[in-house]
Amino acid sequence: MFNGMMGKKMQEMQLAVEESKKRLDTIIVKGEVGSGAITVEVSGNRRVKDISINLDLIDCEKKELQNMITIAINRALVEADQIFEHEMASVTKGLLPSLPGMQ
């Protein structure tokens, strides 16, 4: 009986996590640098969806451009990480306390 109850809770958690991942795919956050010169869009699942470079706003060397892109990506990923962690905490909050040894 214990294994059946635990198995059911694990299935519930797995379904909840899958639903959360679907929701997170619909959430898009942006990282920006250079007053919109470079914008990176990342999903709540921390996947880069788009990189936009406005060449009219950029007057720099290749190395500086690479650094700007890196900064924009990292800014978007920080925000996506926060959203992801909050979503996963919400999903597991109601399920973990009922699993033995998971408190």
PDB file of N, CA and C in Angstrom:
ATOM      1  N   MET A   1       0.824  -1.195   0.000  1.00  0.00           N
ATOM      2  CA  MET A   1       0.000   0.000   0.000  1.00  0.00           C
ATOM      3  C   MET A   1       0.872   1.265   0.000  1.00  0.00           C
ATOM      4  N   PHE A   2       1.941   1.224   0.794  1.00  0.00           N
ATOM      5  CA  PHE A   2       2.843   2.376   0.865  1.00  0.00           C
ATOM      6  C   PHE A   2       3.418   2.691  -0.512  1.00  0.00           C
ATOM      7  N   ASN A   3       3.902   1.647  -1.217  1.00  0.00           N
ATOM      8  CA  ASN A   3       4.481   1.862  -2.545  1.00  0.00           C
ATOM      9  C   ASN A   3       3.450   2.396  -3.526  1.00  0.00           C
ATOM     10  N   GLY A   4       2.206   1.911  -3.444  1.00  0.00           N
ATOM     11  CA  GLY A   4       1.153   2.397  -4.328  1.00  0.00           C
ATOM     12  C   GLY A   4       0.849   3.861  -4.095  1.00  0.00           C
ATOM     13  N   MET A   5       0.803   4.259  -2.825  1.00  0.00           N
ATOM     14  CA  MET A   5       0.528   5.654  -2.484  1.00  0.00           C
ATOM     15  C   MET A   5       1.670   6.553  -2.942  1.00  0.00           C
ATOM     16  N   MET A   6       2.886   6.099  -2.724  1.00  0.00           N
ATOM     17  CA  MET A   6       4.050   6.891  -3.120  1.00  0.00           C
ATOM     18  C   MET A   6       4.128   6.983  -4.644  1.00  0.00           C
ATOM     19  N   GLY A   7       3.830   5.880  -5.321  1.00  0.00           N
ATOM     20  CA  GLY A   7       3.839   5.879  -6.779  1.00  0.00           C
ATOM     21  C   GLY A   7       2.821   6.852  -7.347  1.00  0.00           C
ATOM     22  N   LYS A   8       1.657   6.904  -6.721  1.00  0.00           N
ATOM     23  CA  LYS A   8       0.609   7.824  -7.178  1.00  0.00           C
ATOM     24  C   LYS A   8       1.062   9.275  -6.996  1.00  0.00           C
ATOM     25  N   LYS A   9       1.675   9.578  -5.864  1.00  0.00           N
ATOM     26  CA  LYS A   9       2.160  10.942  -5.611  1.00  0.00           C
ATOM     27  C   LYS A   9       3.249  11.323  -6.620  1.00  0.00           C
ATOM     28  N   MET A  10       4.114  10.364  -6.927  1.00  0.00           N
ATOM     29  CA  MET A  10       5.183  10.637  -7.892  1.00  0.00           C
ATOM     30  C   MET A  10       4.589  10.900  -9.281  1.00  0.00           C
ATOM     31  N   GLN A  11       3.552  10.136  -9.662  1.00  0.00           N
ATOM     32  CA  GLN A  11       2.887  10.375 -10.938  1.00  0.00           C
ATOM     33  C   GLN A  11       2.231  11.751 -10.967  1.00  0.00           C
ATOM     34  N   GLU A  12       1.592  12.125  -9.852  1.00  0.00           N
ATOM     35  CA  GLU A  12       0.969  13.445  -9.767  1.00  0.00           C
ATOM     36  C   GLU A  12       2.013  14.542  -9.927  1.00  0.00           C
ATOM     37  N   MET A  13       3.151  14.351  -9.274  1.00  0.00           N
ATOM     38  CA  MET A  13       4.209  15.347  -9.356  1.00  0.00           C
ATOM     39  C   MET A  13       4.748  15.429 -10.786  1.00  0.00           C
ATOM     40  N   GLN A  14       4.935  14.298 -11.416  1.00  0.00           N
ATOM     41  CA  GLN A  14       5.451  14.279 -12.784  1.00  0.00           C
ATOM     42  C   GLN A  14       4.489  14.997 -13.733  1.00  0.00           C
ATOM     43  N   LEU A  15       3.197  14.751 -13.589  1.00  0.00           N
ATOM     44  CA  LEU A  15       2.203  15.434 -14.422  1.00  0.00           C
ATOM     45  C   LEU A  15       2.213  16.941 -14.167  1.00  0.00           C
ATOM     46  N   ALA A  16       2.312  17.311 -12.902  1.00  0.00           N
ATOM     47  CA  ALA A  16       2.337  18.734 -12.556  1.00  0.00           C
ATOM     48  C   ALA A  16       3.575  19.415 -13.136  1.00  0.00           C
ATOM     49  N   VAL A  17       4.710  18.739 -13.089  1.00  0.00           N
ATOM     50  CA  VAL A  17       5.950  19.302 -13.642  1.00  0.00           C
ATOM     51  C   VAL A  17       5.822  19.454 -15.154  1.00  0.00           C
ATOM     52  N   GLU A  18       5.261  18.471 -15.822  1.00  0.00           N
ATOM     53  CA  GLU A  18       5.079  18.547 -17.273  1.00  0.00           C
ATOM     54  C   GLU A  18       4.150  19.708 -17.652  1.00  0.00           C
ATOM     55  N   GLU A  19       3.077  19.888 -16.903  1.00  0.00           N
ATOM     56  CA  GLU A  19       2.167  21.011 -17.151  1.00  0.00           C
ATOM     57  C   GLU A  19       2.886  22.341 -16.944  1.00  0.00           C
ATOM     58  N   SER A  20       3.710  22.408 -15.906  1.00  0.00           N
ATOM     59  CA  SER A  20       4.470  23.635 -15.639  1.00  0.00           C
ATOM     60  C   SER A  20       5.436  23.930 -16.774  1.00  0.00           C
ATOM     61  N   LYS A  21       6.087  22.915 -17.284  1.00  0.00           N
ATOM     62  CA  LYS A  21       7.031  23.115 -18.391  1.00  0.00           C
ATOM     63  C   LYS A  21       6.312  23.649 -19.622  1.00  0.00           C
ATOM     64  N   LYS A  22       5.102  23.166 -19.862  1.00  0.00           N
ATOM     65  CA  LYS A  22       4.324  23.687 -20.992  1.00  0.00           C
ATOM     66  C   LYS A  22       3.999  25.165 -20.779  1.00  0.00           C
ATOM     67  N   ARG A  23       3.615  25.507 -19.539  1.00  0.00           N
ATOM     68  CA  ARG A  23       3.329  26.922 -19.228  1.00  0.00           C
ATOM     69  C   ARG A  23       4.586  27.770 -19.379  1.00  0.00           C
ATOM     70  N   LEU A  24       5.702  27.256 -18.900  1.00  0.00           N
ATOM     71  CA  LEU A  24       6.955  28.009 -18.961  1.00  0.00           C
ATOM     72  C   LEU A  24       7.392  28.269 -20.405  1.00  0.00           C
ATOM     73  N   ASP A  25       7.038  27.374 -21.319  1.00  0.00           N
ATOM     74  CA  ASP A  25       7.371  27.597 -22.727  1.00  0.00           C
ATOM     75  C   ASP A  25       6.640  28.794 -23.300  1.00  0.00           C
ATOM     76  N   THR A  26       5.527  29.166 -22.696  1.00  0.00           N
ATOM     77  CA  THR A  26       4.744  30.298 -23.205  1.00  0.00           C
ATOM     78  C   THR A  26       5.188  31.627 -22.603  1.00  0.00           C
ATOM     79  N   ILE A  27       6.015  31.566 -21.576  1.00  0.00           N
ATOM     80  CA  ILE A  27       6.516  32.786 -20.925  1.00  0.00           C
ATOM     81  C   ILE A  27       7.825  33.194 -21.591  1.00  0.00           C
ATOM     82  N   ILE A  28       7.871  34.408 -22.061  1.00  0.00           N
ATOM     83  CA  ILE A  28       9.084  34.925 -22.712  1.00  0.00           C
ATOM     84  C   ILE A  28       9.591  36.136 -21.929  1.00  0.00           C
ATOM     85  N   VAL A  29      10.869  36.089 -21.569  1.00  0.00           N
ATOM     86  CA  VAL A  29      11.506  37.220 -20.894  1.00  0.00           C
ATOM     87  C   VAL A  29      12.582  37.769 -21.820  1.00  0.00           C
ATOM     88  N   LYS A  30      12.928  39.035 -21.597  1.00  0.00           N
ATOM     89  CA  LYS A  30      13.900  39.695 -22.460  1.00  0.00           C
ATOM     90  C   LYS A  30      15.101  40.188 -21.659  1.00  0.00           C
ATOM     91  N   GLY A  31      16.239  40.080 -22.277  1.00  0.00           N
ATOM     92  CA  GLY A  31      17.456  40.692 -21.771  1.00  0.00           C
ATOM     93  C   GLY A  31      17.892  41.700 -22.817  1.00  0.00           C
ATOM     94  N   GLU A  32      18.235  42.881 -22.350  1.00  0.00           N
ATOM     95  CA  GLU A  32      18.536  43.960 -23.291  1.00  0.00           C
ATOM     96  C   GLU A  32      19.837  44.635 -22.889  1.00  0.00           C
ATOM     97  N   VAL A  33      20.522  45.147 -23.880  1.00  0.00           N
ATOM     98  CA  VAL A  33      21.743  45.898 -23.620  1.00  0.00           C
ATOM     99  C   VAL A  33      21.858  46.993 -24.682  1.00  0.00           C
ATOM    100  N   GLY A  34      22.507  48.082 -24.313  1.00  0.00           N
ATOM    101  CA  GLY A  34      22.731  49.175 -25.253  1.00  0.00           C
ATOM    102  C   GLY A  34      21.461  49.873 -25.689  1.00  0.00           C
ATOM    103  N   SER A  35      20.552  50.109 -24.750  1.00  0.00           N
ATOM    104  CA  SER A  35      19.289  50.806 -25.039  1.00  0.00           C
ATOM    105  C   SER A  35      18.534  50.178 -26.206  1.00  0.00           C
ATOM    106  N   GLY A  36      18.508  48.845 -26.202  1.00  0.00           N
ATOM    107  CA  GLY A  36      17.771  48.132 -27.239  1.00  0.00           C
ATOM    108  C   GLY A  36      18.612  47.744 -28.444  1.00  0.00           C
ATOM    109  N   ALA A  37      19.907  48.003 -28.381  1.00  0.00           N
ATOM    110  CA  ALA A  37      20.779  47.616 -29.495  1.00  0.00           C
ATOM    111  C   ALA A  37      20.754  46.105 -29.684  1.00  0.00           C
ATOM    112  N   ILE A  38      20.718  45.389 -28.562  1.00  0.00           N
ATOM    113  CA  ILE A  38      20.641  43.929 -28.599  1.00  0.00           C
ATOM    114  C   ILE A  38      19.568  43.499 -27.616  1.00  0.00           C
ATOM    115  N   THR A  39      18.665  42.658 -28.099  1.00  0.00           N
ATOM    116  CA  THR A  39      17.615  42.100 -27.260  1.00  0.00           C
ATOM    117  C   THR A  39      17.602  40.595 -27.444  1.00  0.00           C
ATOM    118  N   VAL A  40      17.567  39.891 -26.328  1.00  0.00           N
ATOM    119  CA  VAL A  40      17.513  38.429 -26.346  1.00  0.00           C
ATOM    120  C   VAL A  40      16.230  38.007 -25.670  1.00  0.00           C
ATOM    121  N   GLU A  41      15.504  37.097 -26.303  1.00  0.00           N
ATOM    122  CA  GLU A  41      14.286  36.545 -25.725  1.00  0.00           C
ATOM    123  C   GLU A  41      14.546  35.100 -25.321  1.00  0.00           C
ATOM    124  N   VAL A  42      14.127  34.780 -24.091  1.00  0.00           N
ATOM    125  CA  VAL A  42      14.336  33.453 -23.528  1.00  0.00           C
ATOM    126  C   VAL A  42      13.015  32.973 -22.942  1.00  0.00           C
ATOM    127  N   SER A  43      12.726  31.682 -23.110  1.00  0.00           N
ATOM    128  CA  SER A  43      11.499  31.129 -22.535  1.00  0.00           C
ATOM    129  C   SER A  43      11.693  30.895 -21.042  1.00  0.00           C
ATOM    130  N   GLY A  44      10.574  30.673 -20.349  1.00  0.00           N
ATOM    131  CA  GLY A  44      10.636  30.340 -18.928  1.00  0.00           C
ATOM    132  C   GLY A  44      11.357  29.029 -18.673  1.00  0.00           C
ATOM    133  N   ASN A  45      11.517  28.219 -19.707  1.00  0.00           N
ATOM    134  CA  ASN A  45      12.292  26.971 -19.617  1.00  0.00           C
ATOM    135  C   ASN A  45      13.762  27.198 -19.941  1.00  0.00           C
ATOM    136  N   ARG A  46      14.160  28.461 -19.987  1.00  0.00           N
ATOM    137  CA  ARG A  46      15.555  28.859 -20.172  1.00  0.00           C
ATOM    138  C   ARG A  46      16.128  28.441 -21.522  1.00  0.00           C
ATOM    139  N   ARG A  47      15.319  28.619 -22.555  1.00  0.00           N
ATOM    140  CA  ARG A  47      15.763  28.350 -23.920  1.00  0.00           C
ATOM    141  C   ARG A  47      15.749  29.665 -24.696  1.00  0.00           C
ATOM    142  N   VAL A  48      16.858  29.966 -25.370  1.00  0.00           N
ATOM    143  CA  VAL A  48      16.936  31.188 -26.170  1.00  0.00           C
ATOM    144  C   VAL A  48      15.992  31.030 -27.348  1.00  0.00           C
ATOM    145  N   LYS A  49      15.082  31.986 -27.507  1.00  0.00           N
ATOM    146  CA  LYS A  49      14.091  31.946 -28.581  1.00  0.00           C
ATOM    147  C   LYS A  49      14.448  32.899 -29.713  1.00  0.00           C
ATOM    148  N   ASP A  50      15.082  34.031 -29.375  1.00  0.00           N
ATOM    149  CA  ASP A  50      15.376  35.014 -30.408  1.00  0.00           C
ATOM    150  C   ASP A  50      16.488  35.945 -29.942  1.00  0.00           C
ATOM    151  N   ILE A  51      17.305  36.361 -30.882  1.00  0.00           N
ATOM    152  CA  ILE A  51      18.313  37.394 -30.633  1.00  0.00           C
ATOM    153  C   ILE A  51      18.112  38.452 -31.705  1.00  0.00           C
ATOM    154  N   SER A  52      17.910  39.682 -31.263  1.00  0.00           N
ATOM    155  CA  SER A  52      17.688  40.796 -32.181  1.00  0.00           C
ATOM    156  C   SER A  52      18.819  41.801 -32.024  1.00  0.00           C
ATOM    157  N   ILE A  53      19.416  42.171 -33.154  1.00  0.00           N
ATOM    158  CA  ILE A  53      20.515  43.134 -33.145  1.00  0.00           C
ATOM    159  C   ILE A  53      20.125  44.305 -34.043  1.00  0.00           C
ATOM    160  N   ASN A  54      20.028  45.482 -33.443  1.00  0.00           N
ATOM    161  CA  ASN A  54      19.707  46.689 -34.197  1.00  0.00           C
ATOM    162  C   ASN A  54      21.023  47.348 -34.620  1.00  0.00           C
ATOM    163  N   LEU A  55      21.410  47.101 -35.859  1.00  0.00           N
ATOM    164  CA  LEU A  55      22.695  47.598 -36.348  1.00  0.00           C
ATOM    165  C   LEU A  55      22.783  49.117 -36.372  1.00  0.00           C
ATOM    166  N   ASP A  56      21.626  49.782 -36.430  1.00  0.00           N
ATOM    167  CA  ASP A  56      21.628  51.249 -36.424  1.00  0.00           C
ATOM    168  C   ASP A  56      22.114  51.804 -35.083  1.00  0.00           C
ATOM    169  N   LEU A  57      21.979  51.020 -34.029  1.00  0.00           N
ATOM    170  CA  LEU A  57      22.381  51.475 -32.688  1.00  0.00           C
ATOM    171  C   LEU A  57      23.769  50.978 -32.280  1.00  0.00           C
ATOM    172  N   ILE A  58      24.398  50.212 -33.151  1.00  0.00           N
ATOM    173  CA  ILE A  58      25.676  49.609 -32.784  1.00  0.00           C
ATOM    174  C   ILE A  58      26.805  50.200 -33.621  1.00  0.00           C
ATOM    175  N   ASP A  59      27.783  50.716 -32.915  1.00  0.00           N
ATOM    176  CA  ASP A  59      28.989  51.222 -33.556  1.00  0.00           C
ATOM    177  C   ASP A  59      30.159  50.741 -32.694  1.00  0.00           C
ATOM    178  N   CYS A  60      30.499  49.450 -32.877  1.00  0.00           N
ATOM    179  CA  CYS A  60      31.539  48.878 -32.017  1.00  0.00           C
ATOM    180  C   CYS A  60      32.304  47.793 -32.753  1.00  0.00           C
ATOM    181  N   GLU A  61      33.353  47.356 -32.114  1.00  0.00           N
ATOM    182  CA  GLU A  61      34.187  46.280 -32.642  1.00  0.00           C
ATOM    183  C   GLU A  61      33.533  44.926 -32.369  1.00  0.00           C
ATOM    184  N   LYS A  62      34.010  43.926 -33.071  1.00  0.00           N
ATOM    185  CA  LYS A  62      33.467  42.570 -32.945  1.00  0.00           C
ATOM    186  C   LYS A  62      33.488  42.086 -31.497  1.00  0.00           C
ATOM    187  N   LYS A  63      34.588  42.257 -30.798  1.00  0.00           N
ATOM    188  CA  LYS A  63      34.717  41.774 -29.415  1.00  0.00           C
ATOM    189  C   LYS A  63      33.696  42.447 -28.507  1.00  0.00           C
ATOM    190  N   GLU A  64      33.500  43.746 -28.679  1.00  0.00           N
ATOM    191  CA  GLU A  64      32.513  44.474 -27.872  1.00  0.00           C
ATOM    192  C   GLU A  64      31.106  43.984 -28.178  1.00  0.00           C
ATOM    193  N   LEU A  65      30.821  43.717 -29.445  1.00  0.00           N
ATOM    194  CA  LEU A  65      29.515  43.194 -29.845  1.00  0.00           C
ATOM    195  C   LEU A  65      29.279  41.820 -29.204  1.00  0.00           C
ATOM    196  N   GLN A  66      30.292  40.980 -29.220  1.00  0.00           N
ATOM    197  CA  GLN A  66      30.181  39.664 -28.590  1.00  0.00           C
ATOM    198  C   GLN A  66      29.902  39.795 -27.092  1.00  0.00           C
ATOM    199  N   ASN A  67      30.573  40.722 -26.440  1.00  0.00           N
ATOM    200  CA  ASN A  67      30.349  40.947 -25.007  1.00  0.00           C
ATOM    201  C   ASN A  67      28.930  41.441 -24.745  1.00  0.00           C
ATOM    202  N   MET A  68      28.438  42.323 -25.603  1.00  0.00           N
ATOM    203  CA  MET A  68      27.077  42.838 -25.440  1.00  0.00           C
ATOM    204  C   MET A  68      26.042  41.713 -25.585  1.00  0.00           C
ATOM    205  N   ILE A  69      26.256  40.833 -26.556  1.00  0.00           N
ATOM    206  CA  ILE A  69      25.347  39.704 -26.749  1.00  0.00           C
ATOM    207  C   ILE A  69      25.365  38.799 -25.529  1.00  0.00           C
ATOM    208  N   THR A  70      26.537  38.536 -25.009  1.00  0.00           N
ATOM    209  CA  THR A  70      26.674  37.694 -23.815  1.00  0.00           C
ATOM    210  C   THR A  70      25.942  38.312 -22.630  1.00  0.00           C
ATOM    211  N   ILE A  71      26.100  39.599 -22.437  1.00  0.00           N
ATOM    212  CA  ILE A  71      25.426  40.291 -21.331  1.00  0.00           C
ATOM    213  C   ILE A  71      23.909  40.200 -21.485  1.00  0.00           C
ATOM    214  N   ALA A  72      23.401  40.434 -22.695  1.00  0.00           N
ATOM    215  CA  ALA A  72      21.958  40.374 -22.932  1.00  0.00           C
ATOM    216  C   ALA A  72      21.420  38.968 -22.662  1.00  0.00           C
ATOM    217  N   ILE A  73      22.139  37.951 -23.105  1.00  0.00           N
ATOM    218  CA  ILE A  73      21.711  36.567 -22.856  1.00  0.00           C
ATOM    219  C   ILE A  73      21.690  36.290 -21.361  1.00  0.00           C
ATOM    220  N   ASN A  74      22.732  36.667 -20.668  1.00  0.00           N
ATOM    221  CA  ASN A  74      22.798  36.411 -19.227  1.00  0.00           C
ATOM    222  C   ASN A  74      21.702  37.140 -18.458  1.00  0.00           C
ATOM    223  N   ARG A  75      21.368  38.351 -18.862  1.00  0.00           N
ATOM    224  CA  ARG A  75      20.282  39.092 -18.208  1.00  0.00           C
ATOM    225  C   ARG A  75      18.949  38.353 -18.389  1.00  0.00           C
ATOM    226  N   ALA A  76      18.701  37.882 -19.601  1.00  0.00           N
ATOM    227  CA  ALA A  76      17.459  37.150 -19.855  1.00  0.00           C
ATOM    228  C   ALA A  76      17.433  35.839 -19.076  1.00  0.00           C
ATOM    229  N   LEU A  77      18.562  35.153 -19.017  1.00  0.00           N
ATOM    230  CA  LEU A  77      18.617  33.869 -18.309  1.00  0.00           C
ATOM    231  C   LEU A  77      18.413  34.027 -16.805  1.00  0.00           C
ATOM    232  N   VAL A  78      18.908  35.105 -16.227  1.00  0.00           N
ATOM    233  CA  VAL A  78      18.694  35.351 -14.796  1.00  0.00           C
ATOM    234  C   VAL A  78      17.203  35.466 -14.510  1.00  0.00           C
ATOM    235  N   GLU A  79      16.499  36.223 -15.331  1.00  0.00           N
ATOM    236  CA  GLU A  79      15.062  36.384 -15.132  1.00  0.00           C
ATOM    237  C   GLU A  79      14.323  35.065 -15.377  1.00  0.00           C
ATOM    238  N   ALA A  80      14.726  34.339 -16.422  1.00  0.00           N
ATOM    239  CA  ALA A  80      14.094  33.051 -16.721  1.00  0.00           C
ATOM    240  C   ALA A  80      14.335  32.056 -15.585  1.00  0.00           C
ATOM    241  N   ASP A  81      15.531  32.061 -15.008  1.00  0.00           N
ATOM    242  CA  ASP A  81      15.833  31.175 -13.865  1.00  0.00           C
ATOM    243  C   ASP A  81      14.911  31.456 -12.691  1.00  0.00           C
ATOM    244  N   GLN A  82      14.686  32.727 -12.408  1.00  0.00           N
ATOM    245  CA  GLN A  82      13.810  33.095 -11.295  1.00  0.00           C
ATOM    246  C   GLN A  82      12.383  32.610 -11.539  1.00  0.00           C
ATOM    247  N   ILE A  83      11.905  32.773 -12.749  1.00  0.00           N
ATOM    248  CA  ILE A  83      10.553  32.317 -13.088  1.00  0.00           C
ATOM    249  C   ILE A  83      10.471  30.797 -13.002  1.00  0.00           C
ATOM    250  N   PHE A  84      11.480  30.111 -13.530  1.00  0.00           N
ATOM    251  CA  PHE A  84      11.510  28.648 -13.507  1.00  0.00           C
ATOM    252  C   PHE A  84      11.504  28.130 -12.070  1.00  0.00           C
ATOM    253  N   GLU A  85      12.372  28.672 -11.233  1.00  0.00           N
ATOM    254  CA  GLU A  85      12.462  28.226  -9.838  1.00  0.00           C
ATOM    255  C   GLU A  85      11.161  28.480  -9.084  1.00  0.00           C
ATOM    256  N   HIS A  86      10.544  29.618  -9.313  1.00  0.00           N
ATOM    257  CA  HIS A  86       9.275  29.932  -8.661  1.00  0.00           C
ATOM    258  C   HIS A  86       8.196  28.943  -9.101  1.00  0.00           C
ATOM    259  N   GLU A  87       8.145  28.650 -10.376  1.00  0.00           N
ATOM    260  CA  GLU A  87       7.139  27.720 -10.905  1.00  0.00           C
ATOM    261  C   GLU A  87       7.344  26.316 -10.333  1.00  0.00           C
ATOM    262  N   MET A  88       8.580  25.842 -10.310  1.00  0.00           N
ATOM    263  CA  MET A  88       8.851  24.494  -9.789  1.00  0.00           C
ATOM    264  C   MET A  88       8.561  24.424  -8.285  1.00  0.00           C
ATOM    265  N   ALA A  89       8.852  25.491  -7.557  1.00  0.00           N
ATOM    266  CA  ALA A  89       8.553  25.516  -6.122  1.00  0.00           C
ATOM    267  C   ALA A  89       7.044  25.457  -5.903  1.00  0.00           C
ATOM    268  N   SER A  90       6.291  26.136  -6.757  1.00  0.00           N
ATOM    269  CA  SER A  90       4.831  26.114  -6.647  1.00  0.00           C
ATOM    270  C   SER A  90       4.273  24.725  -6.917  1.00  0.00           C
ATOM    271  N   VAL A  91       4.845  24.044  -7.883  1.00  0.00           N
ATOM    272  CA  VAL A  91       4.372  22.707  -8.254  1.00  0.00           C
ATOM    273  C   VAL A  91       4.630  21.702  -7.140  1.00  0.00           C
ATOM    274  N   THR A  92       5.832  21.724  -6.602  1.00  0.00           N
ATOM    275  CA  THR A  92       6.203  20.715  -5.609  1.00  0.00           C
ATOM    276  C   THR A  92       5.706  21.046  -4.210  1.00  0.00           C
ATOM    277  N   LYS A  93       5.330  22.275  -3.976  1.00  0.00           N
ATOM    278  CA  LYS A  93       4.904  22.713  -2.641  1.00  0.00           C
ATOM    279  C   LYS A  93       3.781  21.844  -2.074  1.00  0.00           C
ATOM    280  N   GLY A  94       2.771  21.577  -2.861  1.00  0.00           N
ATOM    281  CA  GLY A  94       1.635  20.806  -2.381  1.00  0.00           C
ATOM    282  C   GLY A  94       1.862  19.312  -2.372  1.00  0.00           C
ATOM    283  N   LEU A  95       2.894  18.838  -3.067  1.00  0.00           N
ATOM    284  CA  LEU A  95       3.091  17.400  -3.194  1.00  0.00           C
ATOM    285  C   LEU A  95       4.169  16.839  -2.276  1.00  0.00           C
ATOM    286  N   LEU A  96       5.250  17.561  -2.089  1.00  0.00           N
ATOM    287  CA  LEU A  96       6.371  17.013  -1.317  1.00  0.00           C
ATOM    288  C   LEU A  96       6.067  16.716   0.146  1.00  0.00           C
ATOM    289  N   PRO A  97       5.355  17.559   0.860  1.00  0.00           N
ATOM    290  CA  PRO A  97       5.136  17.252   2.280  1.00  0.00           C
ATOM    291  C   PRO A  97       4.397  15.935   2.508  1.00  0.00           C
ATOM    292  N   SER A  98       3.646  15.471   1.528  1.00  0.00           N
ATOM    293  CA  SER A  98       2.893  14.231   1.708  1.00  0.00           C
ATOM    294  C   SER A  98       3.711  12.997   1.381  1.00  0.00           C
ATOM    295  N   LEU A  99       4.922  13.185   0.833  1.00  0.00           N
ATOM    296  CA  LEU A  99       5.782  12.052   0.566  1.00  0.00           C
ATOM    297  C   LEU A  99       6.662  11.778   1.785  1.00  0.00           C
ATOM    298  N   PRO A 100       6.692  10.552   2.257  1.00  0.00           N
ATOM    299  CA  PRO A 100       7.509  10.241   3.425  1.00  0.00           C
ATOM    300  C   PRO A 100       8.990  10.552   3.189  1.00  0.00           C
ATOM    301  N   GLY A 101       9.615  11.165   4.155  1.00  0.00           N
ATOM    302  CA  GLY A 101      11.040  11.467   4.083  1.00  0.00           C
ATOM    303  C   GLY A 101      11.389  12.643   3.198  1.00  0.00           C
ATOM    304  N   MET A 102      10.425  13.379   2.687  1.00  0.00           N
ATOM    305  CA  MET A 102      10.680  14.489   1.777  1.00  0.00           C
ATOM    306  C   MET A 102      10.317  15.827   2.391  1.00  0.00           C
ATOM    307  N   GLN A 103      10.360  15.926   3.696  1.00  0.00           N
ATOM    308  CA  GLN A 103       9.958  17.168   4.363  1.00  0.00           C
ATOM    309  C   GLN A 103      11.139  18.028   4.658  1.00  0.00           C
TER     310      GLN A 103
END
